[in-house]
């Protein structure tokens, strides 16, 4: 019976030692994570401080952008009037030209394979 008691004590000591090693490892991981989160919190506080300084300028930019966006239709209409009055335009042909691709027409071997030849 003494061997069984000794083996039980050895197993319990091994279990406690394993748990101690695991807890030490988990603690070091959590410590590193906490340090990184603390550094991240410092960065966030810096960004918030910078944003507080920039916010009045952004409000001014948004107001100015709204004024410019409101004036764009008027400016666009005036610009079209100026261009129409200055630029001479060639008369359009009565029969519009056939639309062709910029790269020219393609020859297909499939058509020749079935004996079809388009008219020039």
C-alpha atoms as a PDB file:
ATOM      1  CA  UNK A   1       0.000   0.000   0.000  1.00  0.00           C
ATOM      2  CA  UNK A   2       2.889   2.370   0.546  1.00  0.00           C
ATOM      3  CA  UNK A   3       3.875   2.138  -3.131  1.00  0.00           C
ATOM      4  CA  UNK A   4       0.341   3.144  -4.114  1.00  0.00           C
ATOM      5  CA  UNK A   5       0.457   6.138  -1.750  1.00  0.00           C
ATOM      6  CA  UNK A   6       3.869   7.193  -3.074  1.00  0.00           C
ATOM      7  CA  UNK A   7       2.715   6.895  -6.698  1.00  0.00           C
ATOM      8  CA  UNK A   8      -0.431   8.912  -5.893  1.00  0.00           C
ATOM      9  CA  UNK A   9       1.640  11.665  -4.281  1.00  0.00           C
ATOM     10  CA  UNK A  10       4.025  11.676  -7.286  1.00  0.00           C
ATOM     11  CA  UNK A  11       1.100  11.965  -9.729  1.00  0.00           C
ATOM     12  CA  UNK A  12      -0.468  14.788  -7.708  1.00  0.00           C
ATOM     13  CA  UNK A  13       2.872  16.646  -7.551  1.00  0.00           C
ATOM     14  CA  UNK A  14       3.332  16.163 -11.315  1.00  0.00           C
ATOM     15  CA  UNK A  15      -0.213  17.458 -11.932  1.00  0.00           C
ATOM     16  CA  UNK A  16       0.381  20.513  -9.757  1.00  0.00           C
ATOM     17  CA  UNK A  17       3.742  21.163 -11.467  1.00  0.00           C
ATOM     18  CA  UNK A  18       2.095  20.868 -14.903  1.00  0.00           C
ATOM     19  CA  UNK A  19      -0.656  23.279 -13.878  1.00  0.00           C
ATOM     20  CA  UNK A  20       1.947  25.707 -12.504  1.00  0.00           C
ATOM     21  CA  UNK A  21       3.876  25.649 -15.787  1.00  0.00           C
ATOM     22  CA  UNK A  22       0.655  26.132 -17.767  1.00  0.00           C
ATOM     23  CA  UNK A  23      -0.458  29.048 -15.572  1.00  0.00           C
ATOM     24  CA  UNK A  24       2.974  30.683 -15.877  1.00  0.00           C
ATOM     25  CA  UNK A  25       2.838  30.326 -19.687  1.00  0.00           C
ATOM     26  CA  UNK A  26      -0.735  31.682 -19.868  1.00  0.00           C
ATOM     27  CA  UNK A  27       0.239  34.568 -17.572  1.00  0.00           C
ATOM     28  CA  UNK A  28       3.162  35.606 -19.762  1.00  0.00           C
ATOM     29  CA  UNK A  29       0.927  35.496 -22.857  1.00  0.00           C
ATOM     30  CA  UNK A  30      -1.703  37.632 -21.158  1.00  0.00           C
ATOM     31  CA  UNK A  31       0.983  40.038 -19.957  1.00  0.00           C
ATOM     32  CA  UNK A  32       2.249  40.506 -23.538  1.00  0.00           C
ATOM     33  CA  UNK A  33      -1.307  40.974 -24.815  1.00  0.00           C
ATOM     34  CA  UNK A  34      -1.968  43.550 -22.092  1.00  0.00           C
ATOM     35  CA  UNK A  35       1.192  45.479 -23.007  1.00  0.00           C
ATOM     36  CA  UNK A  36       0.174  45.576 -26.679  1.00  0.00           C
ATOM     37  CA  UNK A  37      -3.360  46.700 -25.796  1.00  0.00           C
ATOM     38  CA  UNK A  38      -1.936  49.441 -23.590  1.00  0.00           C
ATOM     39  CA  UNK A  39       0.262  50.647 -26.462  1.00  0.00           C
ATOM     40  CA  UNK A  40      -2.770  50.515 -28.767  1.00  0.00           C
ATOM     41  CA  UNK A  41      -4.789  52.567 -26.288  1.00  0.00           C
ATOM     42  CA  UNK A  42      -2.031  55.175 -26.311  1.00  0.00           C
ATOM     43  CA  UNK A  43      -2.208  55.335 -30.106  1.00  0.00           C
ATOM     44  CA  UNK A  44      -5.993  55.715 -29.988  1.00  0.00           C
ATOM     45  CA  UNK A  45      -5.711  58.575 -27.492  1.00  0.00           C
ATOM     46  CA  UNK A  46      -3.200  60.262 -29.812  1.00  0.00           C
ATOM     47  CA  UNK A  47      -5.542  59.881 -32.797  1.00  0.00           C
ATOM     48  CA  UNK A  48      -8.446  61.324 -30.801  1.00  0.00           C
ATOM     49  CA  UNK A  49      -6.305  64.311 -29.774  1.00  0.00           C
ATOM     50  CA  UNK A  50      -5.308  64.903 -33.421  1.00  0.00           C
ATOM     51  CA  UNK A  51      -8.925  64.567 -34.562  1.00  0.00           C
ATOM     52  CA  UNK A  52     -10.040  67.211 -32.042  1.00  0.00           C
ATOM     53  CA  UNK A  53      -7.528  69.620 -33.579  1.00  0.00           C
ATOM     54  CA  UNK A  54      -8.602  68.822 -37.147  1.00  0.00           C
ATOM     55  CA  UNK A  55     -12.388  68.846 -36.586  1.00  0.00           C
ATOM     56  CA  UNK A  56     -12.971  72.640 -37.007  1.00  0.00           C
ATOM     57  CA  UNK A  57     -11.012  72.591 -40.280  1.00  0.00           C
ATOM     58  CA  UNK A  58     -13.037  69.625 -41.542  1.00  0.00           C
ATOM     59  CA  UNK A  59     -16.279  71.444 -40.752  1.00  0.00           C
ATOM     60  CA  UNK A  60     -15.042  74.468 -42.721  1.00  0.00           C
ATOM     61  CA  UNK A  61     -14.016  72.238 -45.649  1.00  0.00           C
ATOM     62  CA  UNK A  62     -17.432  70.537 -45.650  1.00  0.00           C
ATOM     63  CA  UNK A  63     -19.242  73.897 -45.677  1.00  0.00           C
ATOM     64  CA  UNK A  64     -17.051  75.150 -48.530  1.00  0.00           C
ATOM     65  CA  UNK A  65     -17.565  71.892 -50.431  1.00  0.00           C
ATOM     66  CA  UNK A  66     -21.330  72.274 -50.031  1.00  0.00           C
ATOM     67  CA  UNK A  67     -21.210  75.776 -51.488  1.00  0.00           C
ATOM     68  CA  UNK A  68     -19.099  74.602 -54.429  1.00  0.00           C
ATOM     69  CA  UNK A  69     -21.351  71.583 -55.029  1.00  0.00           C
ATOM     70  CA  UNK A  70     -24.385  73.867 -55.044  1.00  0.00           C
ATOM     71  CA  UNK A  71     -22.752  76.147 -57.617  1.00  0.00           C
ATOM     72  CA  UNK A  72     -21.610  73.355 -59.966  1.00  0.00           C
ATOM     73  CA  UNK A  73     -24.820  73.134 -62.054  1.00  0.00           C
ATOM     74  CA  UNK A  74     -24.733  76.884 -62.664  1.00  0.00           C
ATOM     75  CA  UNK A  75     -21.028  76.811 -63.532  1.00  0.00           C
ATOM     76  CA  UNK A  76     -21.537  73.824 -65.806  1.00  0.00           C
ATOM     77  CA  UNK A  77     -24.346  75.573 -67.684  1.00  0.00           C
ATOM     78  CA  UNK A  78     -22.270  78.716 -68.089  1.00  0.00           C
ATOM     79  CA  UNK A  79     -19.296  76.694 -69.366  1.00  0.00           C
ATOM     80  CA  UNK A  80     -21.480  74.907 -71.919  1.00  0.00           C
ATOM     81  CA  UNK A  81     -22.768  78.248 -73.135  1.00  0.00           C
ATOM     82  CA  UNK A  82     -19.243  79.562 -73.563  1.00  0.00           C
ATOM     83  CA  UNK A  83     -18.097  76.443 -75.427  1.00  0.00           C
ATOM     84  CA  UNK A  84     -21.132  76.437 -77.734  1.00  0.00           C
ATOM     85  CA  UNK A  85     -20.588  80.076 -78.577  1.00  0.00           C
ATOM     86  CA  UNK A  86     -16.875  79.691 -79.361  1.00  0.00           C
ATOM     87  CA  UNK A  87     -16.350  76.237 -80.841  1.00  0.00           C
ATOM     88  CA  UNK A  88     -17.447  75.776 -84.468  1.00  0.00           C
ATOM     89  CA  UNK A  89     -19.080  72.427 -85.025  1.00  0.00           C
ATOM     90  CA  UNK A  90     -18.967  70.429 -88.245  1.00  0.00           C
ATOM     91  CA  UNK A  91     -22.415  69.573 -89.578  1.00  0.00           C
ATOM     92  CA  UNK A  92     -23.535  66.010 -88.932  1.00  0.00           C
ATOM     93  CA  UNK A  93     -23.884  63.757 -92.001  1.00  0.00           C
ATOM     94  CA  UNK A  94     -27.411  62.875 -93.090  1.00  0.00           C
ATOM     95  CA  UNK A  95     -26.649  59.162 -93.005  1.00  0.00           C
ATOM     96  CA  UNK A  96     -24.548  58.246 -89.975  1.00  0.00           C
ATOM     97  CA  UNK A  97     -21.406  56.217 -90.564  1.00  0.00           C
ATOM     98  CA  UNK A  98     -21.420  52.563 -89.591  1.00  0.00           C
ATOM     99  CA  UNK A  99     -19.849  51.948 -86.207  1.00  0.00           C
ATOM    100  CA  UNK A 100     -16.589  50.027 -86.555  1.00  0.00           C
ATOM    101  CA  UNK A 101     -14.252  48.893 -83.819  1.00  0.00           C
ATOM    102  CA  UNK A 102     -11.103  50.948 -83.397  1.00  0.00           C
ATOM    103  CA  UNK A 103      -8.944  47.878 -83.938  1.00  0.00           C
ATOM    104  CA  UNK A 104     -10.530  47.084 -87.303  1.00  0.00           C
ATOM    105  CA  UNK A 105     -12.486  44.011 -88.296  1.00  0.00           C
ATOM    106  CA  UNK A 106     -11.414  40.582 -87.136  1.00  0.00           C
ATOM    107  CA  UNK A 107     -11.042  37.597 -89.362  1.00  0.00           C
ATOM    108  CA  UNK A 108     -12.538  34.467 -87.971  1.00  0.00           C
ATOM    109  CA  UNK A 109     -11.316  31.009 -88.916  1.00  0.00           C
ATOM    110  CA  UNK A 110     -14.632  29.589 -87.784  1.00  0.00           C
ATOM    111  CA  UNK A 111     -16.445  31.206 -90.699  1.00  0.00           C
ATOM    112  CA  UNK A 112     -13.933  29.867 -93.207  1.00  0.00           C
ATOM    113  CA  UNK A 113     -14.194  26.402 -91.627  1.00  0.00           C
ATOM    114  CA  UNK A 114     -17.872  26.180 -92.504  1.00  0.00           C
ATOM    115  CA  UNK A 115     -17.394  27.645 -95.969  1.00  0.00           C
ATOM    116  CA  UNK A 116     -18.815  31.091 -95.280  1.00  0.00           C
ATOM    117  CA  UNK A 117     -17.082  34.106 -96.761  1.00  0.00           C
ATOM    118  CA  UNK A 118     -18.554  37.536 -96.026  1.00  0.00           C
ATOM    119  CA  UNK A 119     -19.012  39.952 -98.890  1.00  0.00           C
ATOM    120  CA  UNK A 120     -16.448  42.766 -98.976  1.00  0.00           C
END
